């Protein structure tokens, strides 16, 4: 998949996961991360290969990691 498609797919999962966590979280008392991991595993490069590595994804992941480390 091209870089733009990968970025759109990752963004869609990142938007839909909290929405589903909010919707189903009222009935199921589980942490929101449970709704983020299962969609990400099959989409990743080891299972279906829809989302792959590239310079855009590497750059964004590095910046996101820096933000998560900076937030207490």
C-alpha atoms as a PDB file:
ATOM      1  CA  UNK A   1       0.000   0.000   0.000  1.00  0.00           C
ATOM      2  CA  UNK A   2       1.362   3.477  -0.754  1.00  0.00           C
ATOM      3  CA  UNK A   3       2.375   5.787   2.071  1.00  0.00           C
ATOM      4  CA  UNK A   4      -0.758   7.931   1.797  1.00  0.00           C
ATOM      5  CA  UNK A   5      -3.004   4.863   2.051  1.00  0.00           C
ATOM      6  CA  UNK A   6      -1.072   3.575   5.027  1.00  0.00           C
ATOM      7  CA  UNK A   7      -1.360   6.924   6.774  1.00  0.00           C
ATOM      8  CA  UNK A   8      -5.109   7.093   6.104  1.00  0.00           C
ATOM      9  CA  UNK A   9      -5.610   3.532   7.370  1.00  0.00           C
ATOM     10  CA  UNK A  10      -3.656   4.162  10.576  1.00  0.00           C
ATOM     11  CA  UNK A  11      -5.536   7.427  11.124  1.00  0.00           C
ATOM     12  CA  UNK A  12      -8.887   5.708  10.603  1.00  0.00           C
ATOM     13  CA  UNK A  13      -8.027   3.046  13.172  1.00  0.00           C
ATOM     14  CA  UNK A  14      -6.804   5.720  15.586  1.00  0.00           C
ATOM     15  CA  UNK A  15     -10.111   7.591  15.245  1.00  0.00           C
ATOM     16  CA  UNK A  16     -12.434   4.578  15.315  1.00  0.00           C
ATOM     17  CA  UNK A  17     -10.788   2.838  18.278  1.00  0.00           C
ATOM     18  CA  UNK A  18     -11.674   5.505  20.884  1.00  0.00           C
ATOM     19  CA  UNK A  19     -15.168   5.796  19.449  1.00  0.00           C
ATOM     20  CA  UNK A  20     -15.714   2.071  19.793  1.00  0.00           C
ATOM     21  CA  UNK A  21     -14.147   2.147  23.258  1.00  0.00           C
ATOM     22  CA  UNK A  22     -16.607   4.839  24.261  1.00  0.00           C
ATOM     23  CA  UNK A  23     -19.558   2.998  22.723  1.00  0.00           C
ATOM     24  CA  UNK A  24     -18.797  -0.466  24.089  1.00  0.00           C
ATOM     25  CA  UNK A  25     -16.949   0.716  27.178  1.00  0.00           C
ATOM     26  CA  UNK A  26     -20.180   1.564  28.888  1.00  0.00           C
ATOM     27  CA  UNK A  27     -21.239  -2.088  28.725  1.00  0.00           C
ATOM     28  CA  UNK A  28     -17.824  -3.726  29.028  1.00  0.00           C
ATOM     29  CA  UNK A  29     -15.503  -2.468  31.752  1.00  0.00           C
ATOM     30  CA  UNK A  30     -12.227  -2.836  29.828  1.00  0.00           C
ATOM     31  CA  UNK A  31      -9.438  -0.327  29.174  1.00  0.00           C
ATOM     32  CA  UNK A  32      -9.576   1.598  25.872  1.00  0.00           C
ATOM     33  CA  UNK A  33      -6.297   0.066  24.692  1.00  0.00           C
ATOM     34  CA  UNK A  34      -8.146  -3.226  24.256  1.00  0.00           C
ATOM     35  CA  UNK A  35     -10.036  -1.592  21.389  1.00  0.00           C
ATOM     36  CA  UNK A  36      -6.808  -0.330  19.754  1.00  0.00           C
ATOM     37  CA  UNK A  37      -4.653  -3.460  19.725  1.00  0.00           C
ATOM     38  CA  UNK A  38      -6.961  -5.975  17.950  1.00  0.00           C
ATOM     39  CA  UNK A  39      -7.549  -3.809  14.839  1.00  0.00           C
ATOM     40  CA  UNK A  40      -3.855  -2.945  14.648  1.00  0.00           C
ATOM     41  CA  UNK A  41      -2.515  -6.500  14.644  1.00  0.00           C
ATOM     42  CA  UNK A  42      -4.083  -7.749  11.384  1.00  0.00           C
ATOM     43  CA  UNK A  43      -3.448  -4.449   9.583  1.00  0.00           C
ATOM     44  CA  UNK A  44       0.263  -4.458  10.451  1.00  0.00           C
ATOM     45  CA  UNK A  45       3.054  -5.710   8.200  1.00  0.00           C
ATOM     46  CA  UNK A  46       3.258  -9.194   9.745  1.00  0.00           C
ATOM     47  CA  UNK A  47      -0.324 -10.363   9.080  1.00  0.00           C
ATOM     48  CA  UNK A  48      -2.125  -8.671   6.175  1.00  0.00           C
ATOM     49  CA  UNK A  49       0.572  -6.168   5.323  1.00  0.00           C
ATOM     50  CA  UNK A  50      -1.832  -3.301   4.635  1.00  0.00           C
ATOM     51  CA  UNK A  51       0.166  -0.847   6.752  1.00  0.00           C
ATOM     52  CA  UNK A  52       3.872  -0.967   6.121  1.00  0.00           C
ATOM     53  CA  UNK A  53       6.985   0.927   7.029  1.00  0.00           C
ATOM     54  CA  UNK A  54       8.061   4.027   5.189  1.00  0.00           C
ATOM     55  CA  UNK A  55       9.746   7.325   5.835  1.00  0.00           C
ATOM     56  CA  UNK A  56       6.464   9.097   6.674  1.00  0.00           C
ATOM     57  CA  UNK A  57       5.381   6.481   9.202  1.00  0.00           C
ATOM     58  CA  UNK A  58       8.878   6.310  10.725  1.00  0.00           C
ATOM     59  CA  UNK A  59       9.013  10.092  11.123  1.00  0.00           C
ATOM     60  CA  UNK A  60       5.574  10.286  12.718  1.00  0.00           C
ATOM     61  CA  UNK A  61       6.216   7.354  15.042  1.00  0.00           C
ATOM     62  CA  UNK A  62       9.437   8.951  16.250  1.00  0.00           C
ATOM     63  CA  UNK A  63       7.668  12.221  16.990  1.00  0.00           C
ATOM     64  CA  UNK A  64       4.784  10.473  18.741  1.00  0.00           C
ATOM     65  CA  UNK A  65       7.193   8.520  20.903  1.00  0.00           C
ATOM     66  CA  UNK A  66       8.929  11.761  21.883  1.00  0.00           C
ATOM     67  CA  UNK A  67       5.582  13.315  22.844  1.00  0.00           C
ATOM     68  CA  UNK A  68       4.592  10.297  24.953  1.00  0.00           C
ATOM     69  CA  UNK A  69       7.910  10.401  26.767  1.00  0.00           C
ATOM     70  CA  UNK A  70       7.582  14.128  27.428  1.00  0.00           C
ATOM     71  CA  UNK A  71       4.068  13.914  28.879  1.00  0.00           C
ATOM     72  CA  UNK A  72       4.192  12.994  32.581  1.00  0.00           C
END
